[in-house]
Amino acid sequence: MIDPERLSLNLMTVDHWSLPEAVDHCATAGIGLVAPWRHQLAPDSARVIREACLEVSSLCRGGFFTSPGADDDNRRAVEEAAALGAPVLVLVCGPPTSPDLRAARATIAAGIERLLPFAADHGVRLGIEPLHPMMIGERSAIVSLGEALALARTFPDPAHVGIVLDAYHVFWDARLEDELAGAEGLIASYHVSDWLVPTTDLLAGRGLMGDGIIDLPHIGALVEATGYDGPVEVEVINPALAEREPQELLADIRTRFARS
């Protein structure tokens, strides 16, 4: 069972709330960690989070290294993470811009290499997130746990570059156990949700833990075996959650988290 104090609410789960509303609801519900996305930030966000006595587990997202202007945007993302006190910047690495997947992956690796010294200087760890293969055309050419781990290992210090393990994106992988057996020290962040059947939306059709087919206790045990003992982010992207009363939703999330 995961320590309830490790629960972090990824704020994309409640993107229908403003950041101040999310912070207030989390503080009331006894959730001490949050993970905002960049589009949710305002100039006073760090103060709002700090005054509520909450901490930030990560900031999403940087990456998109295959897009024009990626370097400048990623440096801004690092600065935003540092200002929030976020130890990890989640990297959604960017889709291929041609049929040449090798070129896209090389572009991603080079972009991380350029960003790394700037991130290290700001005390922000870069977290490479492998996405489900269905998202390769829109979001990332890094679509397996093995790819992400191999890329992270090309950099000399895992304190500065690791991977973001999202159960929703990797649960299907027949090599999951083998890959995680060699991932000690490389997990920068761990995210949980569930895969609903049927899946009505490949991006925004995720379920609360326990409502789908992901064996979250098993994956959680594999993650623990790597030595990762940091925050566990609940990231359930599903617009249907907007229909639920805030404190009832957060209470349900806490209950399900304790079982996962």
C-alpha atoms as a PDB file:
ATOM      1  CA  MET A   1       0.000   0.000   0.000  1.00  0.00           C
ATOM      2  CA  ILE A   2       1.355   3.444  -0.944  1.00  0.00           C
ATOM      3  CA  ASP A   3       1.760   5.967   1.848  1.00  0.00           C
ATOM      4  CA  PRO A   4      -1.199   8.399   1.509  1.00  0.00           C
ATOM      5  CA  GLU A   5       1.174  11.287   2.159  1.00  0.00           C
ATOM      6  CA  ARG A   6       2.782  10.596  -1.216  1.00  0.00           C
ATOM      7  CA  LEU A   7      -0.423  11.453  -3.083  1.00  0.00           C
ATOM      8  CA  SER A   8      -0.036  14.397  -5.454  1.00  0.00           C
ATOM      9  CA  LEU A   9      -2.940  15.697  -7.486  1.00  0.00           C
ATOM     10  CA  ASN A  10      -1.899  16.327 -11.060  1.00  0.00           C
ATOM     11  CA  LEU A  11      -3.970  19.404 -11.818  1.00  0.00           C
ATOM     12  CA  MET A  12      -4.886  18.262 -15.321  1.00  0.00           C
ATOM     13  CA  THR A  13      -7.267  15.958 -13.445  1.00  0.00           C
ATOM     14  CA  VAL A  14      -9.181  19.063 -12.391  1.00  0.00           C
ATOM     15  CA  ASP A  15      -8.369  21.385 -15.267  1.00  0.00           C
ATOM     16  CA  HIS A  16     -11.897  22.788 -14.956  1.00  0.00           C
ATOM     17  CA  TRP A  17     -10.773  24.456 -11.699  1.00  0.00           C
ATOM     18  CA  SER A  18      -8.508  27.479 -11.606  1.00  0.00           C
ATOM     19  CA  LEU A  19      -5.183  26.922  -9.914  1.00  0.00           C
ATOM     20  CA  PRO A  20      -6.251  28.877  -6.791  1.00  0.00           C
ATOM     21  CA  GLU A  21      -9.441  26.794  -6.624  1.00  0.00           C
ATOM     22  CA  ALA A  22      -7.459  23.566  -6.979  1.00  0.00           C
ATOM     23  CA  VAL A  23      -5.010  24.623  -4.285  1.00  0.00           C
ATOM     24  CA  ASP A  24      -7.838  25.552  -1.917  1.00  0.00           C
ATOM     25  CA  HIS A  25      -9.711  22.292  -2.521  1.00  0.00           C
ATOM     26  CA  CYS A  26      -6.545  20.218  -2.034  1.00  0.00           C
ATOM     27  CA  ALA A  27      -5.660  22.000   1.181  1.00  0.00           C
ATOM     28  CA  THR A  28      -9.184  21.394   2.509  1.00  0.00           C
ATOM     29  CA  ALA A  29      -9.003  17.722   1.526  1.00  0.00           C
ATOM     30  CA  GLY A  30      -5.623  17.210   3.181  1.00  0.00           C
ATOM     31  CA  ILE A  31      -3.716  16.696  -0.066  1.00  0.00           C
ATOM     32  CA  GLY A  32      -0.338  18.341   0.386  1.00  0.00           C
ATOM     33  CA  LEU A  33       1.168  17.928  -3.086  1.00  0.00           C
ATOM     34  CA  VAL A  34       0.075  19.246  -6.470  1.00  0.00           C
ATOM     35  CA  ALA A  35       1.446  19.030 -10.000  1.00  0.00           C
ATOM     36  CA  PRO A  36       0.326  21.927 -12.214  1.00  0.00           C
ATOM     37  CA  TRP A  37       0.537  22.279 -15.967  1.00  0.00           C
ATOM     38  CA  ARG A  38       2.095  25.368 -17.464  1.00  0.00           C
ATOM     39  CA  HIS A  39      -1.105  26.736 -19.007  1.00  0.00           C
ATOM     40  CA  GLN A  40      -2.617  26.855 -15.510  1.00  0.00           C
ATOM     41  CA  LEU A  41       0.062  29.152 -14.112  1.00  0.00           C
ATOM     42  CA  ALA A  42      -0.223  32.845 -13.323  1.00  0.00           C
ATOM     43  CA  PRO A  43       2.409  35.235 -11.984  1.00  0.00           C
ATOM     44  CA  ASP A  44       1.280  34.625  -8.394  1.00  0.00           C
ATOM     45  CA  SER A  45       0.972  30.824  -8.602  1.00  0.00           C
ATOM     46  CA  ALA A  46       4.087  30.080  -6.540  1.00  0.00           C
ATOM     47  CA  ARG A  47       2.824  32.367  -3.775  1.00  0.00           C
ATOM     48  CA  VAL A  48      -0.673  30.846  -3.851  1.00  0.00           C
ATOM     49  CA  ILE A  49       0.729  27.332  -3.521  1.00  0.00           C
ATOM     50  CA  ARG A  50       3.226  28.309  -0.838  1.00  0.00           C
ATOM     51  CA  GLU A  51       0.685  30.189   1.294  1.00  0.00           C
ATOM     52  CA  ALA A  52      -1.578  27.131   1.272  1.00  0.00           C
ATOM     53  CA  CYS A  53       1.364  25.108   2.661  1.00  0.00           C
ATOM     54  CA  LEU A  54       1.377  22.839  -0.379  1.00  0.00           C
ATOM     55  CA  GLU A  55       4.359  21.574  -2.338  1.00  0.00           C
ATOM     56  CA  VAL A  56       4.811  20.948  -6.049  1.00  0.00           C
ATOM     57  CA  SER A  57       5.824  17.476  -7.236  1.00  0.00           C
ATOM     58  CA  SER A  58       6.388  18.328 -10.924  1.00  0.00           C
ATOM     59  CA  LEU A  59       5.557  20.764 -13.678  1.00  0.00           C
ATOM     60  CA  CYS A  60       4.161  19.674 -17.040  1.00  0.00           C
ATOM     61  CA  ARG A  61       5.180  20.156 -19.683  1.00  0.00           C
ATOM     62  CA  GLY A  62       8.404  20.814 -21.482  1.00  0.00           C
ATOM     63  CA  GLY A  63       9.701  19.010 -24.522  1.00  0.00           C
ATOM     64  CA  PHE A  64       8.292  19.119 -28.055  1.00  0.00           C
ATOM     65  CA  PHE A  65      11.890  19.239 -29.229  1.00  0.00           C
ATOM     66  CA  THR A  66      10.837  18.646 -32.821  1.00  0.00           C
ATOM     67  CA  SER A  67       8.940  21.959 -32.937  1.00  0.00           C
ATOM     68  CA  PRO A  68      10.348  25.372 -33.922  1.00  0.00           C
ATOM     69  CA  GLY A  69      11.337  27.477 -30.929  1.00  0.00           C
ATOM     70  CA  ALA A  70      11.590  24.484 -28.605  1.00  0.00           C
ATOM     71  CA  ASP A  71      14.841  25.570 -26.973  1.00  0.00           C
ATOM     72  CA  ASP A  72      13.541  28.955 -25.860  1.00  0.00           C
ATOM     73  CA  ASP A  73      10.256  27.504 -24.633  1.00  0.00           C
ATOM     74  CA  ASN A  74      12.002  24.786 -22.682  1.00  0.00           C
ATOM     75  CA  ARG A  75      14.259  27.243 -20.929  1.00  0.00           C
ATOM     76  CA  ARG A  76      11.131  29.167 -19.907  1.00  0.00           C
ATOM     77  CA  ALA A  77       9.630  25.914 -18.650  1.00  0.00           C
ATOM     78  CA  VAL A  78      12.707  25.238 -16.525  1.00  0.00           C
ATOM     79  CA  GLU A  79      12.518  28.740 -15.059  1.00  0.00           C
ATOM     80  CA  GLU A  80       8.828  28.254 -14.272  1.00  0.00           C
ATOM     81  CA  ALA A  81       9.546  24.920 -12.579  1.00  0.00           C
ATOM     82  CA  ALA A  82      12.327  26.450 -10.490  1.00  0.00           C
ATOM     83  CA  ALA A  83      10.095  29.345  -9.437  1.00  0.00           C
ATOM     84  CA  LEU A  84       7.443  26.884  -8.240  1.00  0.00           C
ATOM     85  CA  GLY A  85       9.958  24.695  -6.433  1.00  0.00           C
ATOM     86  CA  ALA A  86       9.073  21.810  -8.755  1.00  0.00           C
ATOM     87  CA  PRO A  87      11.905  19.254  -8.684  1.00  0.00           C
ATOM     88  CA  VAL A  88      10.916  17.700 -12.037  1.00  0.00           C
ATOM     89  CA  LEU A  89       9.984  19.091 -15.440  1.00  0.00           C
ATOM     90  CA  VAL A  90       7.961  16.514 -17.371  1.00  0.00           C
ATOM     91  CA  LEU A  91       9.107  16.206 -20.977  1.00  0.00           C
ATOM     92  CA  VAL A  92       6.563  15.263 -23.637  1.00  0.00           C
ATOM     93  CA  CYS A  93       9.239  14.899 -26.240  1.00  0.00           C
ATOM     94  CA  GLY A  94       7.478  15.799 -29.490  1.00  0.00           C
ATOM     95  CA  PRO A  95       6.155  13.941 -32.539  1.00  0.00           C
ATOM     96  CA  PRO A  96       8.040  13.130 -35.728  1.00  0.00           C
ATOM     97  CA  THR A  97       7.745  15.745 -38.455  1.00  0.00           C
ATOM     98  CA  SER A  98       8.413  13.225 -41.238  1.00  0.00           C
ATOM     99  CA  PRO A  99       8.329   9.443 -41.645  1.00  0.00           C
ATOM    100  CA  ASP A 100      11.935   9.338 -40.396  1.00  0.00           C
ATOM    101  CA  LEU A 101      11.471   8.282 -36.770  1.00  0.00           C
ATOM    102  CA  ARG A 102      15.213   7.953 -36.242  1.00  0.00           C
ATOM    103  CA  ALA A 103      15.653  11.625 -37.095  1.00  0.00           C
ATOM    104  CA  ALA A 104      12.918  12.601 -34.631  1.00  0.00           C
ATOM    105  CA  ARG A 105      14.542  10.606 -31.838  1.00  0.00           C
ATOM    106  CA  ALA A 106      17.934  12.123 -32.619  1.00  0.00           C
ATOM    107  CA  THR A 107      16.399  15.603 -32.497  1.00  0.00           C
ATOM    108  CA  ILE A 108      14.854  14.823 -29.126  1.00  0.00           C
ATOM    109  CA  ALA A 109      18.127  13.533 -27.695  1.00  0.00           C
ATOM    110  CA  ALA A 110      19.998  16.610 -28.935  1.00  0.00           C
ATOM    111  CA  GLY A 111      17.352  18.914 -27.476  1.00  0.00           C
ATOM    112  CA  ILE A 112      17.620  17.313 -24.056  1.00  0.00           C
ATOM    113  CA  GLU A 113      21.399  17.547 -24.226  1.00  0.00           C
ATOM    114  CA  ARG A 114      21.188  21.287 -24.940  1.00  0.00           C
ATOM    115  CA  LEU A 115      18.659  21.872 -22.159  1.00  0.00           C
ATOM    116  CA  LEU A 116      20.386  19.782 -19.521  1.00  0.00           C
ATOM    117  CA  PRO A 117      23.022  22.271 -18.274  1.00  0.00           C
ATOM    118  CA  PHE A 118      20.400  25.013 -17.931  1.00  0.00           C
ATOM    119  CA  ALA A 119      18.057  22.697 -16.013  1.00  0.00           C
ATOM    120  CA  ALA A 120      20.851  21.476 -13.747  1.00  0.00           C
ATOM    121  CA  ASP A 121      21.852  25.055 -12.946  1.00  0.00           C
ATOM    122  CA  HIS A 122      18.241  25.694 -11.871  1.00  0.00           C
ATOM    123  CA  GLY A 123      17.978  22.529  -9.765  1.00  0.00           C
ATOM    124  CA  VAL A 124      15.335  20.983 -12.028  1.00  0.00           C
ATOM    125  CA  ARG A 125      15.484  17.342 -13.079  1.00  0.00           C
ATOM    126  CA  LEU A 126      14.323  16.529 -16.606  1.00  0.00           C
ATOM    127  CA  GLY A 127      11.819  13.678 -16.759  1.00  0.00           C
ATOM    128  CA  ILE A 128      11.440  11.890 -20.098  1.00  0.00           C
ATOM    129  CA  GLU A 129       7.889  10.551 -20.330  1.00  0.00           C
ATOM    130  CA  PRO A 130       7.284   7.656 -22.711  1.00  0.00           C
ATOM    131  CA  LEU A 131       3.764   7.929 -24.105  1.00  0.00           C
ATOM    132  CA  HIS A 132       1.472   5.190 -25.355  1.00  0.00           C
ATOM    133  CA  PRO A 133       2.296   4.316 -28.999  1.00  0.00           C
ATOM    134  CA  MET A 134      -1.106   5.644 -30.106  1.00  0.00           C
ATOM    135  CA  MET A 135       0.224   9.152 -29.392  1.00  0.00           C
ATOM    136  CA  ILE A 136       3.313   9.014 -31.604  1.00  0.00           C
ATOM    137  CA  GLY A 137       1.829  11.172 -34.368  1.00  0.00           C
ATOM    138  CA  GLU A 138       0.682  14.038 -32.159  1.00  0.00           C
ATOM    139  CA  ARG A 139       2.823  14.095 -29.042  1.00  0.00           C
ATOM    140  CA  SER A 140       5.968  12.012 -28.835  1.00  0.00           C
ATOM    141  CA  ALA A 141       8.311   9.776 -30.777  1.00  0.00           C
ATOM    142  CA  ILE A 142       9.342   8.218 -27.448  1.00  0.00           C
ATOM    143  CA  VAL A 143       6.666   5.554 -27.025  1.00  0.00           C
ATOM    144  CA  SER A 144       8.095   2.773 -24.891  1.00  0.00           C
ATOM    145  CA  LEU A 145       9.626   2.489 -21.466  1.00  0.00           C
ATOM    146  CA  GLY A 146      12.716   0.879 -22.952  1.00  0.00           C
ATOM    147  CA  GLU A 147      13.282   3.817 -25.290  1.00  0.00           C
ATOM    148  CA  ALA A 148      12.907   6.324 -22.486  1.00  0.00           C
ATOM    149  CA  LEU A 149      15.282   4.465 -20.183  1.00  0.00           C
ATOM    150  CA  ALA A 150      17.871   4.043 -22.927  1.00  0.00           C
ATOM    151  CA  LEU A 151      17.699   7.752 -23.685  1.00  0.00           C
ATOM    152  CA  ALA A 152      18.011   8.713 -20.019  1.00  0.00           C
ATOM    153  CA  ARG A 153      21.046   6.447 -19.658  1.00  0.00           C
ATOM    154  CA  THR A 154      22.894   8.349 -22.381  1.00  0.00           C
ATOM    155  CA  PHE A 155      23.316  11.225 -19.931  1.00  0.00           C
ATOM    156  CA  PRO A 156      25.951  10.786 -17.215  1.00  0.00           C
ATOM    157  CA  ASP A 157      24.082  11.881 -14.097  1.00  0.00           C
ATOM    158  CA  PRO A 158      20.634  10.412 -13.322  1.00  0.00           C
ATOM    159  CA  ALA A 159      20.177  13.140 -10.733  1.00  0.00           C
ATOM    160  CA  HIS A 160      19.580  15.514 -13.648  1.00  0.00           C
ATOM    161  CA  VAL A 161      17.735  13.285 -16.154  1.00  0.00           C
ATOM    162  CA  GLY A 162      15.297  10.464 -15.461  1.00  0.00           C
ATOM    163  CA  ILE A 163      12.001   9.115 -16.714  1.00  0.00           C
ATOM    164  CA  VAL A 164       8.384   9.830 -15.870  1.00  0.00           C
ATOM    165  CA  LEU A 165       6.532   6.545 -15.541  1.00  0.00           C
ATOM    166  CA  ASP A 166       2.808   6.894 -16.234  1.00  0.00           C
ATOM    167  CA  ALA A 167       0.946   3.623 -15.729  1.00  0.00           C
ATOM    168  CA  TYR A 168      -1.590   4.623 -18.390  1.00  0.00           C
ATOM    169  CA  HIS A 169       1.135   4.778 -21.025  1.00  0.00           C
ATOM    170  CA  VAL A 170       3.227   1.713 -20.151  1.00  0.00           C
ATOM    171  CA  PHE A 171       0.980  -0.919 -18.516  1.00  0.00           C
ATOM    172  CA  TRP A 172       0.583  -2.820 -21.815  1.00  0.00           C
ATOM    173  CA  ASP A 173       4.313  -3.428 -22.286  1.00  0.00           C
ATOM    174  CA  ALA A 174       5.305  -7.111 -22.111  1.00  0.00           C
ATOM    175  CA  ARG A 175       8.813  -5.989 -21.095  1.00  0.00           C
ATOM    176  CA  LEU A 176       7.618  -3.823 -18.217  1.00  0.00           C
ATOM    177  CA  GLU A 177       9.012  -6.055 -15.474  1.00  0.00           C
ATOM    178  CA  ASP A 178      12.371  -6.507 -17.173  1.00  0.00           C
ATOM    179  CA  GLU A 179      12.769  -2.816 -17.955  1.00  0.00           C
ATOM    180  CA  LEU A 180      11.895  -1.695 -14.432  1.00  0.00           C
ATOM    181  CA  ALA A 181      14.229  -4.293 -12.934  1.00  0.00           C
ATOM    182  CA  GLY A 182      17.089  -2.216 -14.344  1.00  0.00           C
ATOM    183  CA  ALA A 183      15.664   1.222 -13.640  1.00  0.00           C
ATOM    184  CA  GLU A 184      17.103   1.887 -10.194  1.00  0.00           C
ATOM    185  CA  GLY A 185      17.582   5.612  -9.662  1.00  0.00           C
ATOM    186  CA  LEU A 186      16.042   6.554 -12.998  1.00  0.00           C
ATOM    187  CA  ILE A 187      12.410   7.196 -12.067  1.00  0.00           C
ATOM    188  CA  ALA A 188      11.826  10.905 -11.567  1.00  0.00           C
ATOM    189  CA  SER A 189       8.029  10.752 -11.224  1.00  0.00           C
ATOM    190  CA  TYR A 190       5.255   8.142 -11.151  1.00  0.00           C
ATOM    191  CA  HIS A 191       1.682   8.761 -12.383  1.00  0.00           C
ATOM    192  CA  VAL A 192      -1.442   6.656 -11.931  1.00  0.00           C
ATOM    193  CA  SER A 193      -4.880   6.411 -13.524  1.00  0.00           C
ATOM    194  CA  ASP A 194      -6.762   3.551 -15.191  1.00  0.00           C
ATOM    195  CA  TRP A 195      -7.531   2.300 -18.701  1.00  0.00           C
ATOM    196  CA  LEU A 196     -11.276   2.088 -19.195  1.00  0.00           C
ATOM    197  CA  VAL A 197     -12.981  -0.500 -21.387  1.00  0.00           C
ATOM    198  CA  PRO A 198     -14.272   0.673 -23.744  1.00  0.00           C
ATOM    199  CA  THR A 199     -11.967   3.646 -24.079  1.00  0.00           C
ATOM    200  CA  THR A 200     -14.044   6.527 -25.421  1.00  0.00           C
ATOM    201  CA  ASP A 201     -11.163   8.959 -25.929  1.00  0.00           C
ATOM    202  CA  LEU A 202      -7.535   7.922 -26.232  1.00  0.00           C
ATOM    203  CA  LEU A 203      -6.231  11.028 -24.473  1.00  0.00           C
ATOM    204  CA  ALA A 204      -9.102  12.165 -22.268  1.00  0.00           C
ATOM    205  CA  GLY A 205     -10.902   8.915 -21.559  1.00  0.00           C
ATOM    206  CA  ARG A 206      -8.891   7.827 -18.534  1.00  0.00           C
ATOM    207  CA  GLY A 207     -10.481   6.344 -15.454  1.00  0.00           C
ATOM    208  CA  LEU A 208     -10.026   6.653 -11.735  1.00  0.00           C
ATOM    209  CA  MET A 209      -7.894   3.964 -10.181  1.00  0.00           C
ATOM    210  CA  GLY A 210      -9.826   0.702  -9.892  1.00  0.00           C
ATOM    211  CA  ASP A 211     -12.246   1.394 -12.736  1.00  0.00           C
ATOM    212  CA  GLY A 212     -10.219  -0.209 -15.507  1.00  0.00           C
ATOM    213  CA  ILE A 213      -7.787  -2.970 -16.452  1.00  0.00           C
ATOM    214  CA  ILE A 214      -4.408  -1.689 -15.176  1.00  0.00           C
ATOM    215  CA  ASP A 215      -2.850  -3.745 -12.390  1.00  0.00           C
ATOM    216  CA  LEU A 216      -1.757  -0.720 -10.405  1.00  0.00           C
ATOM    217  CA  PRO A 217      -0.648  -2.597  -7.251  1.00  0.00           C
ATOM    218  CA  HIS A 218       1.699  -4.707  -9.378  1.00  0.00           C
ATOM    219  CA  ILE A 219       3.170  -1.725 -11.207  1.00  0.00           C
ATOM    220  CA  GLY A 220       3.465   0.168  -7.941  1.00  0.00           C
ATOM    221  CA  ALA A 221       5.447  -2.698  -6.440  1.00  0.00           C
ATOM    222  CA  LEU A 222       7.780  -2.710  -9.441  1.00  0.00           C
ATOM    223  CA  VAL A 223       8.310   1.025  -9.061  1.00  0.00           C
ATOM    224  CA  GLU A 224       9.012   0.673  -5.330  1.00  0.00           C
ATOM    225  CA  ALA A 225      11.576  -2.035  -6.090  1.00  0.00           C
ATOM    226  CA  THR A 226      13.595   0.505  -8.116  1.00  0.00           C
ATOM    227  CA  GLY A 227      14.008   2.535  -4.932  1.00  0.00           C
ATOM    228  CA  TYR A 228      11.580   5.269  -5.970  1.00  0.00           C
ATOM    229  CA  ASP A 229       9.842   6.637  -2.887  1.00  0.00           C
ATOM    230  CA  GLY A 230       8.737  10.060  -4.131  1.00  0.00           C
ATOM    231  CA  PRO A 231       5.318  11.524  -4.915  1.00  0.00           C
ATOM    232  CA  VAL A 232       2.745   9.520  -6.836  1.00  0.00           C
ATOM    233  CA  GLU A 233       0.658  11.756  -9.073  1.00  0.00           C
ATOM    234  CA  VAL A 234      -2.986  11.020  -9.805  1.00  0.00           C
ATOM    235  CA  GLU A 235      -3.424  12.161 -13.407  1.00  0.00           C
ATOM    236  CA  VAL A 236      -6.905  11.267 -14.628  1.00  0.00           C
ATOM    237  CA  ILE A 237      -7.650  13.222 -17.797  1.00  0.00           C
ATOM    238  CA  ASN A 238     -11.400  12.928 -18.271  1.00  0.00           C
ATOM    239  CA  PRO A 239     -13.842  15.843 -18.673  1.00  0.00           C
ATOM    240  CA  ALA A 240     -16.569  13.833 -16.938  1.00  0.00           C
ATOM    241  CA  LEU A 241     -14.842  14.567 -13.626  1.00  0.00           C
ATOM    242  CA  ALA A 242     -15.981  18.190 -13.943  1.00  0.00           C
ATOM    243  CA  GLU A 243     -19.480  17.023 -13.064  1.00  0.00           C
ATOM    244  CA  ARG A 244     -18.460  15.933  -9.574  1.00  0.00           C
ATOM    245  CA  GLU A 245     -18.516  18.020  -6.389  1.00  0.00           C
ATOM    246  CA  PRO A 246     -14.921  18.966  -5.472  1.00  0.00           C
ATOM    247  CA  GLN A 247     -14.597  17.512  -2.003  1.00  0.00           C
ATOM    248  CA  GLU A 248     -16.470  14.338  -2.947  1.00  0.00           C
ATOM    249  CA  LEU A 249     -14.131  13.849  -5.914  1.00  0.00           C
ATOM    250  CA  LEU A 250     -11.000  14.392  -3.838  1.00  0.00           C
ATOM    251  CA  ALA A 251     -12.241  12.075  -1.101  1.00  0.00           C
ATOM    252  CA  ASP A 252     -12.855   9.399  -3.740  1.00  0.00           C
ATOM    253  CA  ILE A 253      -9.374   9.928  -5.172  1.00  0.00           C
ATOM    254  CA  ARG A 254      -7.811   9.541  -1.724  1.00  0.00           C
ATOM    255  CA  THR A 255      -9.749   6.320  -1.079  1.00  0.00           C
ATOM    256  CA  ARG A 256      -8.827   4.818  -4.432  1.00  0.00           C
ATOM    257  CA  PHE A 257      -5.200   5.908  -4.052  1.00  0.00           C
ATOM    258  CA  ALA A 258      -4.949   4.005  -0.771  1.00  0.00           C
ATOM    259  CA  ARG A 259      -6.058   0.828  -2.576  1.00  0.00           C
ATOM    260  CA  SER A 260      -3.807   1.191  -5.596  1.00  0.00           C
END
